[in-house]
Amino acid sequence: MPAPNSLKITEFSDRELLYIVSETCEANGGYCTSQEVADAIGINHKHPATCVGSRLAWMSSLGLLEKIHDKGTRWRVSPVGREFRNGDLSVEQRSALDSMGRGELMMATRLISQRAKRSDTNLRVLKREWRYGTTVKSR
């Protein structure tokens, strides 16, 4: 697979980046820089650290990452980010979703959207996951 040249939401999900940031932080004492994340991804960009830093700043505004300014800008996954990163469905839950007809899927989507509206962070992150999941990937 060729190296990515951007980190658009249609190419990398927030969840994928949360895993990459987590692994990069573990390898670097708990925090990581944008350049370290860019190196981990292998991004092919004229300004890789700036490209990555822009996406990480957006994720920080969603509450998924924490940013500190001690030795330059460094990042780590926030408690909220860990919840989104670690979320999963049981076999039974997946089976229930897979067995739903169109009408049931519509109602499940409505319930999920109503629940997401309870929190601005949930709503924004889930919208981004929907966008990623419903877009044809370029990688």
Protein backbone atom coordinates (compact mmCIF):
# COMPACT_ATOMS: atom_id res chain seq x y z
CA MET A 1 0.00 0.00 0.00
CA PRO A 2 1.46 3.41 -0.94
CA ALA A 3 2.09 5.99 1.76
CA PRO A 4 -0.88 8.33 2.30
CA ASN A 5 -0.45 11.95 1.22
CA SER A 6 -3.12 13.42 3.50
CA LEU A 7 -5.12 12.63 6.62
CA LYS A 8 -8.60 13.53 5.42
CA ILE A 9 -11.46 11.95 7.36
CA THR A 10 -12.34 10.04 4.19
CA GLU A 11 -8.91 8.36 4.29
CA PHE A 12 -8.24 7.84 8.01
CA SER A 13 -10.88 7.45 10.69
CA ASP A 14 -10.43 9.19 14.02
CA ARG A 15 -10.38 5.75 15.61
CA GLU A 16 -7.49 4.61 13.42
CA LEU A 17 -5.55 7.72 14.37
CA LEU A 18 -6.35 7.21 18.05
CA TYR A 19 -4.70 3.78 17.82
CA ILE A 20 -1.67 5.22 16.02
CA VAL A 21 -1.30 8.04 18.54
CA SER A 22 -1.66 5.56 21.43
CA GLU A 23 1.05 3.29 20.05
CA THR A 24 3.32 6.24 19.27
CA CYS A 25 2.85 7.64 22.78
CA GLU A 26 3.68 4.26 24.34
CA ALA A 27 6.92 4.17 22.36
CA ASN A 28 7.82 7.73 23.43
CA GLY A 29 7.18 7.93 27.16
CA GLY A 30 3.46 8.75 27.26
CA TYR A 31 3.27 11.71 24.88
CA CYS A 32 4.18 12.12 21.22
CA THR A 33 4.80 14.89 18.72
CA SER A 34 3.11 15.44 15.39
CA GLN A 35 6.37 14.47 13.68
CA GLU A 36 6.50 11.16 15.56
CA VAL A 37 2.94 10.38 14.47
CA ALA A 38 3.79 11.41 10.88
CA ASP A 39 6.76 9.03 10.99
CA ALA A 40 4.57 6.22 12.35
CA ILE A 41 2.07 6.73 9.52
CA GLY A 42 4.73 7.23 6.86
CA ILE A 43 2.78 10.10 5.35
CA ASN A 44 4.06 11.43 2.03
CA HIS A 45 3.50 15.16 2.41
CA LYS A 46 5.63 18.28 1.86
CA HIS A 47 5.09 19.24 5.53
CA PRO A 48 4.21 15.98 7.31
CA ALA A 49 4.28 17.32 10.88
CA THR A 50 2.04 20.26 9.95
CA CYS A 51 -0.39 17.99 8.12
CA VAL A 52 -0.60 15.61 11.09
CA GLY A 53 -0.64 18.44 13.63
CA SER A 54 -3.65 20.00 11.92
CA ARG A 55 -5.65 16.76 12.16
CA LEU A 56 -4.53 16.14 15.75
CA ALA A 57 -5.55 19.70 16.71
CA TRP A 58 -9.01 19.03 15.25
CA MET A 59 -9.22 15.78 17.23
CA SER A 60 -8.15 17.70 20.34
CA SER A 61 -11.00 20.17 19.77
CA LEU A 62 -13.35 17.16 19.81
CA GLY A 63 -11.92 16.09 23.18
CA LEU A 64 -10.25 12.96 21.77
CA LEU A 65 -6.68 14.10 22.44
CA GLU A 66 -4.92 16.15 25.09
CA LYS A 67 -2.32 18.69 24.03
CA ILE A 68 0.53 20.01 26.16
CA HIS A 69 3.08 22.70 25.43
CA ASP A 70 6.15 21.86 27.42
CA LYS A 71 8.83 20.83 24.92
CA GLY A 72 6.96 22.00 21.87
CA THR A 73 3.50 20.60 21.24
CA ARG A 74 2.90 17.04 22.36
CA TRP A 75 -0.19 14.88 22.34
CA ARG A 76 -1.80 11.94 24.11
CA VAL A 77 -5.16 10.21 23.92
CA SER A 78 -7.70 11.63 26.39
CA PRO A 79 -10.04 9.50 28.51
CA VAL A 80 -12.87 10.29 26.04
CA GLY A 81 -10.58 9.32 23.17
CA ARG A 82 -9.85 5.99 24.88
CA GLU A 83 -13.59 5.30 25.14
CA PHE A 84 -14.07 5.88 21.40
CA ARG A 85 -10.90 3.94 20.53
CA ASN A 86 -11.84 0.92 22.65
CA GLY A 87 -15.53 0.76 21.78
CA ASP A 88 -16.71 -2.57 20.40
CA LEU A 89 -19.84 -4.63 19.89
CA SER A 90 -20.44 -8.14 21.14
CA VAL A 91 -21.09 -10.97 18.68
CA GLU A 92 -24.75 -10.83 19.65
CA GLN A 93 -24.97 -7.08 19.02
CA ARG A 94 -23.30 -7.43 15.61
CA SER A 95 -25.62 -10.31 14.73
CA ALA A 96 -28.67 -8.26 15.73
CA LEU A 97 -27.56 -5.40 13.47
CA ASP A 98 -26.74 -7.73 10.59
CA SER A 99 -30.17 -9.35 10.78
CA MET A 100 -32.13 -6.07 10.68
CA GLY A 101 -34.29 -5.25 7.72
CA ARG A 102 -34.38 -1.79 6.15
CA GLY A 103 -37.13 -0.49 8.43
CA GLU A 104 -35.43 -1.78 11.57
CA LEU A 105 -32.12 -0.31 10.44
CA MET A 106 -33.85 3.05 9.92
CA MET A 107 -35.20 2.97 13.47
CA ALA A 108 -31.84 1.89 14.90
CA THR A 109 -30.21 4.82 13.06
CA ARG A 110 -32.83 7.17 14.48
CA LEU A 111 -32.18 5.93 18.03
CA ILE A 112 -28.42 6.25 17.61
CA SER A 113 -28.80 9.78 16.24
CA GLN A 114 -31.09 10.78 19.12
CA ARG A 115 -28.63 9.41 21.66
CA ALA A 116 -25.72 11.14 19.91
CA LYS A 117 -27.49 14.51 20.27
CA ARG A 118 -27.16 14.27 24.06
CA SER A 119 -23.49 15.21 23.78
CA ASP A 120 -21.86 17.58 21.29
CA THR A 121 -18.70 15.43 21.37
CA ASN A 122 -20.63 12.24 20.65
CA LEU A 123 -22.54 13.91 17.83
CA ARG A 124 -19.44 15.35 16.16
CA VAL A 125 -17.39 12.16 16.47
CA LEU A 126 -20.22 9.91 15.29
CA LYS A 127 -20.88 12.16 12.28
CA ARG A 128 -17.22 11.88 11.36
CA GLU A 129 -17.30 8.07 11.73
CA TRP A 130 -20.41 7.94 9.54
CA ARG A 131 -18.66 10.06 6.91
CA TYR A 132 -15.58 7.82 7.00
CA GLY A 133 -17.62 4.64 6.91
CA THR A 134 -19.81 5.71 4.00
CA THR A 135 -17.02 7.10 1.80
CA VAL A 136 -15.12 5.04 -0.72
CA LYS A 137 -11.59 4.80 0.65
CA SER A 138 -8.73 5.97 -1.53
CA ARG A 139 -6.17 3.73 0.18
